[in-house]
Amino acid sequence: MSDTKPFLLTAALDALPKGAVGDFLMPLCKSDVGLMMGLDLAVAVLTTIEGQRVGVPLTLESIPSLRTLLTEALRMLQAPEGGSVQ
């Protein structure tokens, strides 16, 4: 069993400074992804390699699109070096 405290949305801090503009890249994350579901919102909870947890809010409509995107990314990553994907 894990000693990790639950991810609390009410206690989470904003990762980006107010007024931040542009694109941002999160730190590399481990494979232990959690998902919190609400009525109108889902939050993917990722753990960085530094041990910090990051919550990524998603609308329920965006989850199927994210699944399609990740499926395609996995398919491309599993292609042989210099080979094509089917």
C-alpha atoms as a PDB file:
ATOM      1  CA  MET A   1       0.000   0.000   0.000  1.00  0.00           C
ATOM      2  CA  SER A   2       1.153   3.519  -0.769  1.00  0.00           C
ATOM      3  CA  ASP A   3       1.773   6.167   1.870  1.00  0.00           C
ATOM      4  CA  THR A   4       1.011   8.907  -0.661  1.00  0.00           C
ATOM      5  CA  LYS A   5      -1.604  11.403   0.451  1.00  0.00           C
ATOM      6  CA  PRO A   6      -4.578  11.814  -1.884  1.00  0.00           C
ATOM      7  CA  PHE A   7      -4.416  14.572  -4.485  1.00  0.00           C
ATOM      8  CA  LEU A   8      -6.585  17.417  -3.204  1.00  0.00           C
ATOM      9  CA  LEU A   9      -7.807  19.926  -5.754  1.00  0.00           C
ATOM     10  CA  THR A  10      -8.594  22.424  -2.994  1.00  0.00           C
ATOM     11  CA  ALA A  11      -4.985  22.339  -1.758  1.00  0.00           C
ATOM     12  CA  ALA A  12      -3.233  22.308  -5.162  1.00  0.00           C
ATOM     13  CA  LEU A  13      -1.177  25.352  -6.121  1.00  0.00           C
ATOM     14  CA  ASP A  14      -1.203  27.027  -9.541  1.00  0.00           C
ATOM     15  CA  ALA A  15       1.815  25.808 -11.521  1.00  0.00           C
ATOM     16  CA  LEU A  16       2.007  28.846 -13.786  1.00  0.00           C
ATOM     17  CA  PRO A  17       2.469  32.438 -12.663  1.00  0.00           C
ATOM     18  CA  LYS A  18      -0.452  34.787 -13.243  1.00  0.00           C
ATOM     19  CA  GLY A  19      -0.295  36.411 -16.653  1.00  0.00           C
ATOM     20  CA  ALA A  20       1.951  33.696 -18.100  1.00  0.00           C
ATOM     21  CA  VAL A  21       1.769  33.590 -21.888  1.00  0.00           C
ATOM     22  CA  GLY A  22       3.066  30.944 -24.258  1.00  0.00           C
ATOM     23  CA  ASP A  23       3.567  27.202 -24.318  1.00  0.00           C
ATOM     24  CA  PHE A  24       4.710  25.234 -21.286  1.00  0.00           C
ATOM     25  CA  LEU A  25       6.166  21.755 -20.919  1.00  0.00           C
ATOM     26  CA  MET A  26       5.626  19.762 -17.748  1.00  0.00           C
ATOM     27  CA  PRO A  27       8.505  17.818 -16.205  1.00  0.00           C
ATOM     28  CA  LEU A  28       8.899  14.182 -17.225  1.00  0.00           C
ATOM     29  CA  CYS A  29       6.229  12.088 -15.520  1.00  0.00           C
ATOM     30  CA  LYS A  30       6.171   8.522 -14.238  1.00  0.00           C
ATOM     31  CA  SER A  31       3.704   5.982 -15.540  1.00  0.00           C
ATOM     32  CA  ASP A  32       1.416   6.043 -12.486  1.00  0.00           C
ATOM     33  CA  VAL A  33      -1.417   8.220 -13.756  1.00  0.00           C
ATOM     34  CA  GLY A  34      -4.587   8.719 -11.744  1.00  0.00           C
ATOM     35  CA  LEU A  35      -7.920  10.039 -12.908  1.00  0.00           C
ATOM     36  CA  MET A  36     -10.428  11.964 -10.827  1.00  0.00           C
ATOM     37  CA  MET A  37     -13.896  12.202 -12.370  1.00  0.00           C
ATOM     38  CA  GLY A  38     -16.526  14.792 -11.624  1.00  0.00           C
ATOM     39  CA  LEU A  39     -19.838  15.631 -13.246  1.00  0.00           C
ATOM     40  CA  ASP A  40     -18.409  18.139 -15.737  1.00  0.00           C
ATOM     41  CA  LEU A  41     -14.652  17.787 -15.316  1.00  0.00           C
ATOM     42  CA  ALA A  42     -11.966  15.124 -15.120  1.00  0.00           C
ATOM     43  CA  VAL A  43      -8.485  15.649 -13.706  1.00  0.00           C
ATOM     44  CA  ALA A  44      -5.565  13.502 -14.842  1.00  0.00           C
ATOM     45  CA  VAL A  45      -3.115  13.337 -11.935  1.00  0.00           C
ATOM     46  CA  LEU A  46       0.489  12.768 -13.029  1.00  0.00           C
ATOM     47  CA  THR A  47       3.514  12.268 -10.777  1.00  0.00           C
ATOM     48  CA  THR A  48       6.746  13.884 -11.958  1.00  0.00           C
ATOM     49  CA  ILE A  49      10.099  12.154 -11.636  1.00  0.00           C
ATOM     50  CA  GLU A  50      10.803  14.636  -8.805  1.00  0.00           C
ATOM     51  CA  GLY A  51       7.803  13.265  -6.892  1.00  0.00           C
ATOM     52  CA  GLN A  52       5.506  16.256  -7.384  1.00  0.00           C
ATOM     53  CA  ARG A  53       1.949  15.633  -8.526  1.00  0.00           C
ATOM     54  CA  VAL A  54       0.400  17.654 -11.328  1.00  0.00           C
ATOM     55  CA  GLY A  55      -3.334  17.770 -11.991  1.00  0.00           C
ATOM     56  CA  VAL A  56      -4.384  18.400 -15.588  1.00  0.00           C
ATOM     57  CA  PRO A  57      -8.050  19.435 -15.788  1.00  0.00           C
ATOM     58  CA  LEU A  58      -9.947  18.076 -18.790  1.00  0.00           C
ATOM     59  CA  THR A  59     -13.500  18.506 -19.946  1.00  0.00           C
ATOM     60  CA  LEU A  60     -15.374  15.253 -20.343  1.00  0.00           C
ATOM     61  CA  GLU A  61     -15.658  15.948 -24.078  1.00  0.00           C
ATOM     62  CA  SER A  62     -11.869  16.130 -24.432  1.00  0.00           C
ATOM     63  CA  ILE A  63     -11.154  12.677 -22.952  1.00  0.00           C
ATOM     64  CA  PRO A  64     -12.047  10.678 -26.123  1.00  0.00           C
ATOM     65  CA  SER A  65      -9.852  13.061 -28.168  1.00  0.00           C
ATOM     66  CA  LEU A  66      -7.001  12.579 -25.709  1.00  0.00           C
ATOM     67  CA  ARG A  67      -7.429   8.808 -25.927  1.00  0.00           C
ATOM     68  CA  THR A  68      -7.232   8.945 -29.740  1.00  0.00           C
ATOM     69  CA  LEU A  69      -4.136  11.142 -29.571  1.00  0.00           C
ATOM     70  CA  LEU A  70      -2.358   8.899 -27.047  1.00  0.00           C
ATOM     71  CA  THR A  71      -3.257   5.746 -29.013  1.00  0.00           C
ATOM     72  CA  GLU A  72      -1.670   7.278 -32.128  1.00  0.00           C
ATOM     73  CA  ALA A  73       1.417   8.373 -30.159  1.00  0.00           C
ATOM     74  CA  LEU A  74       1.873   4.849 -28.771  1.00  0.00           C
ATOM     75  CA  ARG A  75       1.473   3.350 -32.222  1.00  0.00           C
ATOM     76  CA  MET A  76       4.180   5.645 -33.598  1.00  0.00           C
ATOM     77  CA  LEU A  77       6.539   5.015 -30.663  1.00  0.00           C
ATOM     78  CA  GLN A  78       6.212   1.241 -31.118  1.00  0.00           C
ATOM     79  CA  ALA A  79       7.185   1.375 -34.810  1.00  0.00           C
ATOM     80  CA  PRO A  80      10.577  -0.141 -35.615  1.00  0.00           C
ATOM     81  CA  GLU A  81      13.471   2.294 -36.025  1.00  0.00           C
ATOM     82  CA  GLY A  82      13.281   3.688 -39.550  1.00  0.00           C
ATOM     83  CA  GLY A  83      10.196   1.564 -40.234  1.00  0.00           C
ATOM     84  CA  SER A  84       6.707   2.602 -41.060  1.00  0.00           C
ATOM     85  CA  VAL A  85       3.590   2.380 -38.944  1.00  0.00           C
ATOM     86  CA  GLN A  86       0.418   0.718 -40.146  1.00  0.00           C
END
